[in-house]
Amino acid sequence: MSLGFKNGKKVGILFSGGPASAANTVISSAVLAFLNKNIPVIGIYNGFEYLEKFEKYNPYSLVEKVHYFHFDTSVTKIRNIRGVVLRTSRANPGREIQSVDDLKEPKKIRSLQNILDAFEHLGIGFLITIGGDDTLKVANYLHRLGLPVIHVPKTIDNDYFGIPWTFGYWTGVEVTKNAILNLKADAESTDSYFVVELMGRKSGWLTYAAGIAGEAVKMIASEDIEAEFDVEAVAEECVDLIILREREGKAAGVICVAEGLVDKLPDRYRPHETDKHGNVIFGKAEIAKVLADKIGQLYKKRTGKSKKVIGKQIGYEIRSAPPVSFDVVMGSMLGFGTFILFEHKQFGHMVSVTDNFDITAIAFEDLVDDQTLVTRLRCVPKGSDFYNLKEALSYRFLE
């Protein structure tokens, strides 16, 4: 099925996946750009959740003001509002798709076809998706099925290939930094250590930046672990660090670890509980607590003394914080960029920025493997200047 703008004069916009600061900034900027050209915009509530369940012969399966609404110029007021006015969910209508050939199988694309039927019903001929790598996959599937789609990258983790900084990342860094500094002050008041688990399913961008800004003594993410995450070996390194700092009169500190280390844990430590989409629930591993407990045990074994080492998770607290100015500007540019790409008919592209916030378009083919349909990720290159900075600002052993 192919939907061109001739078959639908309206723009649809939705947000999918976890919230991120400046989400409403993106929405506001994008919607206003289209309304200024007298192009109506429909906001879809809860990502793909209602769309994938649309019944073609039951128009009441989509109800205005319940499942969707028409935007007006009051959208200018939401630029700095927290949360996501469109609301969001992790519904994944592309969950059955494992290869390009699957897109030819009616049963496997049933949920995707429901979305196309819903848009035909609503008069939507063009879609803006805002979300992470799963949302990008669905956007790519819909594009391959003939729907004009433009995607806006969203992840607090900043691991999106094709863009230097994602909206919400620097707000996440700022909020996490403040939390780390609070914990650091607490640790210094009680001669203790905190092991803090931070967001970052695949990369260490947030862990490194927040750790640098929050004066952590050690930062560990997936980029630091070549193969399996040896909890005992890392705990030994941390105990070495704690003992050395104590010799220098420093009895407290904060160690930051990225949640994505769970993927490299030995099986005995790995969580096996998944969400309804099959994703491992990283928080169930309590990796900070596991490492903190092991550090405490090894410290007592080596010194004969007890040391208070506390595991702490920081996650949901940072996703809907008030956006910092950088994210407001970045989000505004990305939202406005959807209209620029639309004007140039660059469908099947993601909005990105270059120097001076100039808008650029990245083709889905450059972001998603053509055969496996797996999205590309961007980790912190080991040996890069940013990686070396986090190493230089960590507490280091004298050589």
Protein backbone atom coordinates (compact mmCIF):
# COMPACT_ATOMS: atom_id res chain seq x y z
CA MET A 1 0.00 0.00 0.00
CA SER A 2 1.26 3.46 -0.81
CA LEU A 3 0.05 6.68 0.75
CA GLY A 4 1.17 9.87 -0.92
CA PHE A 5 0.33 13.41 0.13
CA LYS A 6 -2.32 13.41 -2.58
CA ASN A 7 -4.23 10.85 -0.50
CA GLY A 8 -3.82 12.63 2.81
CA LYS A 9 -3.42 16.33 3.39
CA LYS A 10 -2.66 16.06 7.09
CA VAL A 11 0.59 15.47 8.98
CA GLY A 12 0.68 12.91 11.77
CA ILE A 13 3.18 13.17 14.62
CA LEU A 14 3.87 10.68 17.41
CA PHE A 15 6.39 10.02 20.17
CA SER A 16 7.45 6.48 21.05
CA GLY A 17 9.67 4.97 23.75
CA GLY A 18 10.94 6.49 26.98
CA PRO A 19 10.50 10.22 27.69
CA ALA A 20 13.37 12.67 27.21
CA SER A 21 13.71 16.31 28.21
CA ALA A 22 12.83 18.73 25.38
CA ALA A 23 10.38 16.26 23.83
CA ASN A 24 7.73 18.97 23.83
CA THR A 25 10.22 21.41 22.34
CA VAL A 26 10.59 19.16 19.30
CA ILE A 27 6.83 18.70 19.02
CA SER A 28 6.14 22.42 19.37
CA SER A 29 8.68 23.46 16.76
CA ALA A 30 7.65 20.82 14.24
CA VAL A 31 3.92 21.44 14.55
CA LEU A 32 4.25 25.21 14.39
CA ALA A 33 6.33 25.00 11.20
CA PHE A 34 3.54 23.10 9.45
CA LEU A 35 0.68 25.16 10.89
CA ASN A 36 2.42 28.31 9.65
CA LYS A 37 2.01 26.88 6.13
CA ASN A 38 -1.65 25.98 6.77
CA ILE A 39 -0.92 22.25 6.87
CA PRO A 40 -3.04 20.54 9.56
CA VAL A 41 -1.25 18.36 12.10
CA ILE A 42 -2.75 15.45 14.03
CA GLY A 43 -1.10 14.43 17.28
CA ILE A 44 -1.23 10.70 17.96
CA TYR A 45 -1.42 9.69 21.61
CA ASN A 46 0.71 6.87 23.08
CA GLY A 47 2.99 6.18 20.15
CA PHE A 48 1.87 3.24 18.02
CA GLU A 49 -0.28 1.68 20.74
CA TYR A 50 -3.70 2.64 19.34
CA LEU A 51 -2.69 2.76 15.69
CA GLU A 52 -1.49 -0.85 15.53
CA LYS A 53 -4.86 -2.01 16.88
CA PHE A 54 -6.95 0.01 14.42
CA GLU A 55 -9.81 -1.91 12.84
CA LYS A 56 -10.49 -0.79 9.28
CA TYR A 57 -14.23 -1.45 9.47
CA ASN A 58 -14.62 -0.04 12.95
CA PRO A 59 -14.02 3.72 12.79
CA TYR A 60 -14.68 3.98 16.53
CA SER A 61 -11.40 2.18 17.20
CA LEU A 62 -9.84 5.67 16.85
CA VAL A 63 -11.66 8.43 18.68
CA GLU A 64 -10.68 12.10 18.55
CA LYS A 65 -9.47 13.54 21.86
CA VAL A 66 -9.04 10.00 23.17
CA HIS A 67 -6.57 8.51 20.71
CA TYR A 68 -5.60 11.60 18.71
CA PHE A 69 -6.26 15.34 18.42
CA HIS A 70 -5.77 18.27 16.07
CA PHE A 71 -3.00 20.69 17.04
CA ASP A 72 -3.52 24.45 17.04
CA THR A 73 -1.18 27.40 17.62
CA SER A 74 -1.38 26.98 21.41
CA VAL A 75 1.46 24.52 20.78
CA THR A 76 3.80 27.49 21.25
CA LYS A 77 3.16 27.26 25.00
CA ILE A 78 4.56 23.77 25.47
CA ARG A 79 8.20 24.40 24.52
CA ASN A 80 9.56 24.16 28.06
CA ILE A 81 6.91 21.90 29.60
CA ARG A 82 8.13 18.66 31.17
CA GLY A 83 7.06 15.21 30.02
CA VAL A 84 5.50 14.39 26.64
CA VAL A 85 2.17 16.04 25.74
CA LEU A 86 1.52 13.27 23.20
CA ARG A 87 2.18 10.69 25.91
CA THR A 88 4.18 7.65 24.91
CA SER A 89 4.39 3.88 25.00
CA ARG A 90 6.77 1.14 23.90
CA ALA A 91 4.30 -0.51 21.52
CA ASN A 92 6.31 -2.07 18.69
CA PRO A 93 4.24 -2.91 15.59
CA GLY A 94 7.38 -4.18 13.83
CA ARG A 95 8.13 -6.90 16.39
CA GLU A 96 7.40 -9.70 13.88
CA ILE A 97 9.83 -8.35 11.28
CA GLN A 98 13.21 -10.09 11.25
CA SER A 99 14.22 -9.64 7.61
CA VAL A 100 13.33 -7.70 4.48
CA ASP A 101 11.35 -10.68 3.19
CA ASP A 102 9.09 -10.50 6.24
CA LEU A 103 7.73 -7.20 4.90
CA LYS A 104 6.05 -9.25 2.16
CA GLU A 105 4.25 -11.49 4.65
CA PRO A 106 0.68 -10.23 5.36
CA LYS A 107 0.56 -11.89 8.79
CA LYS A 108 3.85 -10.35 9.91
CA ILE A 109 2.94 -6.84 8.76
CA ARG A 110 -0.61 -6.93 10.10
CA SER A 111 0.10 -4.31 12.76
CA LEU A 112 1.93 -2.12 10.25
CA GLN A 113 -0.97 -2.42 7.80
CA ASN A 114 -3.34 -1.38 10.58
CA ILE A 115 -1.30 1.81 10.95
CA LEU A 116 -1.53 2.53 7.22
CA ASP A 117 -5.28 1.92 7.34
CA ALA A 118 -5.59 4.25 10.34
CA PHE A 119 -3.77 7.03 8.50
CA GLU A 120 -5.96 6.60 5.45
CA HIS A 121 -8.98 6.84 7.74
CA LEU A 122 -7.65 10.03 9.37
CA GLY A 123 -6.47 11.62 6.11
CA ILE A 124 -2.83 11.53 7.17
CA GLY A 125 -0.42 11.37 4.25
CA PHE A 126 2.88 12.05 6.03
CA LEU A 127 4.24 10.93 9.40
CA ILE A 128 6.80 12.37 11.81
CA THR A 129 8.15 9.82 14.29
CA ILE A 130 10.12 10.83 17.37
CA GLY A 131 11.89 8.00 19.17
CA GLY A 132 14.80 5.63 19.65
CA ASP A 133 16.17 2.77 17.60
CA ASP A 134 13.00 0.63 17.79
CA THR A 135 10.96 3.61 16.59
CA LEU A 136 13.45 4.16 13.78
CA LYS A 137 13.01 0.53 12.74
CA VAL A 138 9.22 0.96 12.55
CA ALA A 139 9.62 4.24 10.65
CA ASN A 140 11.83 2.40 8.19
CA TYR A 141 9.28 -0.42 7.78
CA LEU A 142 6.47 2.07 7.13
CA HIS A 143 8.67 3.93 4.65
CA ARG A 144 9.41 0.67 2.82
CA LEU A 145 5.66 0.01 2.70
CA GLY A 146 5.11 3.33 0.95
CA LEU A 147 4.34 5.86 3.69
CA PRO A 148 6.28 9.15 3.58
CA VAL A 149 8.07 9.28 6.94
CA ILE A 150 10.64 11.59 8.55
CA HIS A 151 12.24 10.57 11.81
CA VAL A 152 13.59 12.61 14.74
CA PRO A 153 16.21 10.77 16.86
CA LYS A 154 15.53 10.50 20.58
CA THR A 155 17.67 8.94 23.27
CA ILE A 156 19.08 10.28 26.50
CA ASP A 157 21.93 7.81 25.99
CA ASN A 158 23.24 9.85 23.00
CA ASP A 159 24.21 6.66 21.17
CA TYR A 160 22.35 7.49 17.96
CA PHE A 161 24.40 7.10 14.82
CA GLY A 162 24.24 10.12 12.51
CA ILE A 163 23.89 12.94 15.03
CA PRO A 164 26.47 14.41 17.46
CA TRP A 165 24.07 15.21 20.34
CA THR A 166 20.51 14.00 20.89
CA PHE A 167 17.95 16.26 22.56
CA GLY A 168 17.62 15.61 26.28
CA TYR A 169 21.15 14.27 26.63
CA TRP A 170 22.71 17.36 28.17
CA THR A 171 19.73 17.84 30.47
CA GLY A 172 20.22 14.24 31.56
CA VAL A 173 23.89 14.95 32.18
CA GLU A 174 23.06 18.07 34.20
CA VAL A 175 20.44 16.38 36.41
CA THR A 176 22.66 13.32 36.93
CA LYS A 177 25.65 15.51 37.75
CA ASN A 178 23.68 17.23 40.51
CA ALA A 179 22.57 13.88 41.93
CA ILE A 180 26.16 12.60 41.91
CA LEU A 181 27.42 15.74 43.65
CA ASN A 182 24.73 15.28 46.32
CA LEU A 183 25.83 11.68 46.84
CA LYS A 184 29.47 12.78 46.91
CA ALA A 185 28.71 15.23 49.72
CA ASP A 186 26.83 12.51 51.59
CA ALA A 187 29.73 10.08 51.12
CA GLU A 188 32.24 12.62 52.38
CA SER A 189 30.09 13.23 55.45
CA THR A 190 30.01 9.54 56.32
CA ASP A 191 33.37 8.23 55.03
CA SER A 192 31.58 5.99 52.56
CA TYR A 193 31.32 5.23 48.84
CA PHE A 194 28.42 5.15 46.42
CA VAL A 195 28.35 2.96 43.32
CA VAL A 196 25.86 4.69 41.04
CA GLU A 197 24.18 2.96 38.10
CA LEU A 198 23.35 5.37 35.29
CA MET A 199 21.44 5.15 32.02
CA GLY A 200 23.23 3.84 28.94
CA ARG A 201 22.03 0.53 27.50
CA LYS A 202 24.76 0.29 24.87
CA SER A 203 27.22 3.12 25.44
CA GLY A 204 28.94 5.23 28.08
CA TRP A 205 28.17 8.73 26.80
CA LEU A 206 25.98 9.69 29.76
CA THR A 207 27.99 7.81 32.38
CA TYR A 208 31.24 9.45 31.29
CA ALA A 209 29.87 12.99 30.94
CA ALA A 210 27.88 12.92 34.19
CA GLY A 211 30.80 11.29 36.00
CA ILE A 212 33.20 13.94 34.73
CA ALA A 213 30.84 16.77 35.69
CA GLY A 214 29.98 15.15 39.05
CA GLU A 215 33.60 14.51 40.06
CA ALA A 216 33.29 10.73 40.20
CA VAL A 217 36.49 8.87 41.04
CA LYS A 218 35.88 6.09 38.52
CA MET A 219 33.57 5.59 35.52
CA ILE A 220 32.86 2.24 33.89
CA ALA A 221 30.74 1.50 30.79
CA SER A 222 30.52 -1.13 28.07
CA GLU A 223 33.36 0.53 26.18
CA ASP A 224 35.70 -0.37 29.06
CA ILE A 225 34.91 -4.09 29.03
CA GLU A 226 36.23 -6.09 26.10
CA ALA A 227 34.44 -9.38 26.78
CA GLU A 228 32.67 -10.54 29.94
CA PHE A 229 32.15 -8.13 32.84
CA ASP A 230 34.18 -9.77 35.62
CA VAL A 231 32.50 -8.38 38.75
CA GLU A 232 35.18 -9.73 41.07
CA ALA A 233 38.06 -8.27 39.03
CA VAL A 234 36.41 -4.85 38.76
CA ALA A 235 35.61 -4.90 42.48
CA GLU A 236 39.30 -5.63 43.20
CA GLU A 237 40.26 -2.58 41.11
CA CYS A 238 37.80 -0.46 43.05
CA VAL A 239 39.17 -1.71 46.38
CA ASP A 240 42.70 -0.89 45.19
CA LEU A 241 41.46 2.62 44.42
CA ILE A 242 39.70 3.01 47.79
CA ILE A 243 42.76 1.86 49.76
CA LEU A 244 45.08 4.14 47.80
CA ARG A 245 42.77 7.12 48.36
CA GLU A 246 42.65 6.35 52.07
CA ARG A 247 46.45 6.50 52.22
CA GLU A 248 46.14 10.00 50.81
CA GLY A 249 43.53 10.99 53.40
CA LYS A 250 40.49 10.54 51.10
CA ALA A 251 37.90 8.27 52.65
CA ALA A 252 34.94 8.74 50.32
CA GLY A 253 33.88 8.95 46.70
CA VAL A 254 31.43 8.04 43.93
CA ILE A 255 31.95 5.34 41.29
CA CYS A 256 29.70 5.47 38.21
CA VAL A 257 28.67 2.44 36.14
CA ALA A 258 26.49 2.25 33.03
CA GLU A 259 23.40 0.01 33.09
CA GLY A 260 24.49 -1.55 29.78
CA LEU A 261 27.19 -3.53 31.61
CA VAL A 262 24.38 -5.95 32.41
CA ASP A 263 24.70 -7.26 28.85
CA LYS A 264 28.26 -8.40 29.66
CA LEU A 265 27.55 -9.97 33.06
CA PRO A 266 28.18 -13.69 33.64
CA ASP A 267 24.95 -15.68 33.51
CA ARG A 268 24.74 -16.05 37.30
CA TYR A 269 24.37 -12.28 37.63
CA ARG A 270 22.25 -11.60 34.54
CA PRO A 271 18.54 -10.81 34.86
CA HIS A 272 16.24 -12.97 32.76
CA GLU A 273 13.03 -11.01 33.23
CA THR A 274 11.94 -9.19 30.07
CA ASP A 275 9.30 -6.58 29.29
CA LYS A 276 6.35 -7.33 26.99
CA HIS A 277 8.54 -6.54 23.97
CA GLY A 278 11.23 -9.05 24.89
CA ASN A 279 13.80 -6.53 26.14
CA VAL A 280 15.79 -7.54 29.21
CA ILE A 281 14.89 -5.31 32.17
CA PHE A 282 18.36 -4.04 33.07
CA GLY A 283 17.28 -2.54 36.39
CA LYS A 284 16.42 -6.00 37.72
CA ALA A 285 20.13 -6.88 37.77
CA GLU A 286 20.83 -4.08 40.27
CA ILE A 287 24.35 -3.98 38.93
CA ALA A 288 25.34 -1.10 41.23
CA LYS A 289 24.23 -3.06 44.29
CA VAL A 290 26.00 -6.24 43.09
CA LEU A 291 29.25 -4.35 42.57
CA ALA A 292 28.89 -2.34 45.79
CA ASP A 293 28.31 -5.51 47.85
CA LYS A 294 31.33 -7.21 46.27
CA ILE A 295 33.53 -4.15 46.93
CA GLY A 296 32.44 -4.11 50.57
CA GLN A 297 33.22 -7.81 50.98
CA LEU A 298 36.66 -7.59 49.37
CA TYR A 299 37.57 -4.45 51.30
CA LYS A 300 36.85 -6.18 54.61
CA LYS A 301 38.74 -9.29 53.51
CA ARG A 302 41.82 -7.26 52.59
CA THR A 303 41.82 -4.71 55.43
CA GLY A 304 39.91 -6.40 58.24
CA LYS A 305 37.73 -3.28 58.45
CA SER A 306 34.18 -2.56 57.31
CA LYS A 307 33.48 0.07 54.66
CA LYS A 308 30.05 1.41 53.83
CA VAL A 309 29.58 0.97 50.06
CA ILE A 310 26.08 1.71 48.77
CA GLY A 311 24.58 0.78 45.41
CA LYS A 312 22.23 3.38 43.91
CA GLN A 313 20.27 3.58 40.64
CA ILE A 314 19.56 6.89 38.91
CA GLY A 315 17.25 6.60 35.92
CA TYR A 316 13.64 7.73 35.81
CA GLU A 317 14.56 10.87 37.75
CA ILE A 318 16.29 12.39 34.73
CA ARG A 319 13.91 11.63 31.85
CA SER A 320 11.42 14.46 32.31
CA ALA A 321 13.52 17.18 33.92
CA PRO A 322 13.14 20.80 32.69
CA PRO A 323 15.31 21.03 29.56
CA VAL A 324 18.50 23.06 29.66
CA SER A 325 18.84 25.79 27.03
CA PHE A 326 21.04 23.68 24.75
CA ASP A 327 18.35 21.00 24.53
CA VAL A 328 15.63 23.59 23.90
CA VAL A 329 17.61 24.97 20.96
CA MET A 330 18.58 21.49 19.72
CA GLY A 331 15.01 20.22 20.02
CA SER A 332 13.67 23.30 18.25
CA MET A 333 16.10 22.81 15.36
CA LEU A 334 15.22 19.13 14.99
CA GLY A 335 11.49 19.88 15.04
CA PHE A 336 11.90 22.66 12.49
CA GLY A 337 14.11 20.30 10.49
CA THR A 338 11.17 17.97 9.87
CA PHE A 339 9.54 20.74 7.84
CA ILE A 340 12.75 21.49 5.94
CA LEU A 341 13.10 17.82 4.97
CA PHE A 342 9.40 17.74 4.08
CA GLU A 343 9.82 20.71 1.76
CA HIS A 344 12.68 18.93 0.01
CA LYS A 345 10.66 15.68 -0.11
CA GLN A 346 13.41 13.89 1.82
CA PHE A 347 11.16 11.15 3.10
CA GLY A 348 12.79 8.04 4.54
CA HIS A 349 15.33 10.28 6.26
CA MET A 350 16.26 11.22 9.81
CA VAL A 351 16.71 14.85 10.82
CA SER A 352 20.19 15.71 12.06
CA VAL A 353 22.36 18.80 12.55
CA THR A 354 25.87 19.82 11.60
CA ASP A 355 27.97 22.77 12.76
CA ASN A 356 26.07 25.95 13.63
CA PHE A 357 22.88 23.85 13.98
CA ASP A 358 22.51 23.56 10.21
CA ILE A 359 19.92 20.93 9.32
CA THR A 360 21.00 17.84 7.43
CA ALA A 361 19.19 14.66 6.38
CA ILE A 362 20.48 11.13 7.01
CA ALA A 363 18.92 8.41 4.85
CA PHE A 364 17.39 5.43 6.64
CA GLU A 365 19.69 3.22 4.54
CA ASP A 366 22.68 4.79 6.30
CA LEU A 367 21.15 4.11 9.72
CA VAL A 368 19.61 0.67 9.28
CA ASP A 369 21.34 -2.39 7.82
CA ASP A 370 19.65 -3.14 4.51
CA GLN A 371 19.51 -6.90 5.09
CA THR A 372 19.25 -7.42 8.85
CA LEU A 373 17.24 -4.22 9.45
CA VAL A 374 19.30 -3.68 12.62
CA THR A 375 20.00 -0.05 13.51
CA ARG A 376 23.54 1.29 13.86
CA LEU A 377 24.68 2.56 17.26
CA ARG A 378 27.38 5.06 18.23
CA CYS A 379 29.55 4.18 21.20
CA VAL A 380 32.33 6.29 22.71
CA PRO A 381 35.40 5.29 20.66
CA LYS A 382 38.05 3.85 22.95
CA GLY A 383 41.10 6.07 22.63
CA SER A 384 39.06 9.08 21.47
CA ASP A 385 39.64 12.44 23.12
CA PHE A 386 36.38 12.19 25.08
CA TYR A 387 37.25 8.68 26.29
CA ASN A 388 40.76 9.84 27.26
CA LEU A 389 39.26 12.80 29.11
CA LYS A 390 37.20 10.55 31.37
CA GLU A 391 40.33 8.48 31.99
CA ALA A 392 42.39 11.58 32.80
CA LEU A 393 39.78 12.93 35.22
CA SER A 394 39.26 9.61 37.01
CA TYR A 395 41.31 8.97 40.13
CA ARG A 396 44.51 7.46 38.80
CA PHE A 397 47.21 5.27 40.25
CA LEU A 398 50.70 6.68 40.23
CA GLU A 399 52.91 4.94 37.68
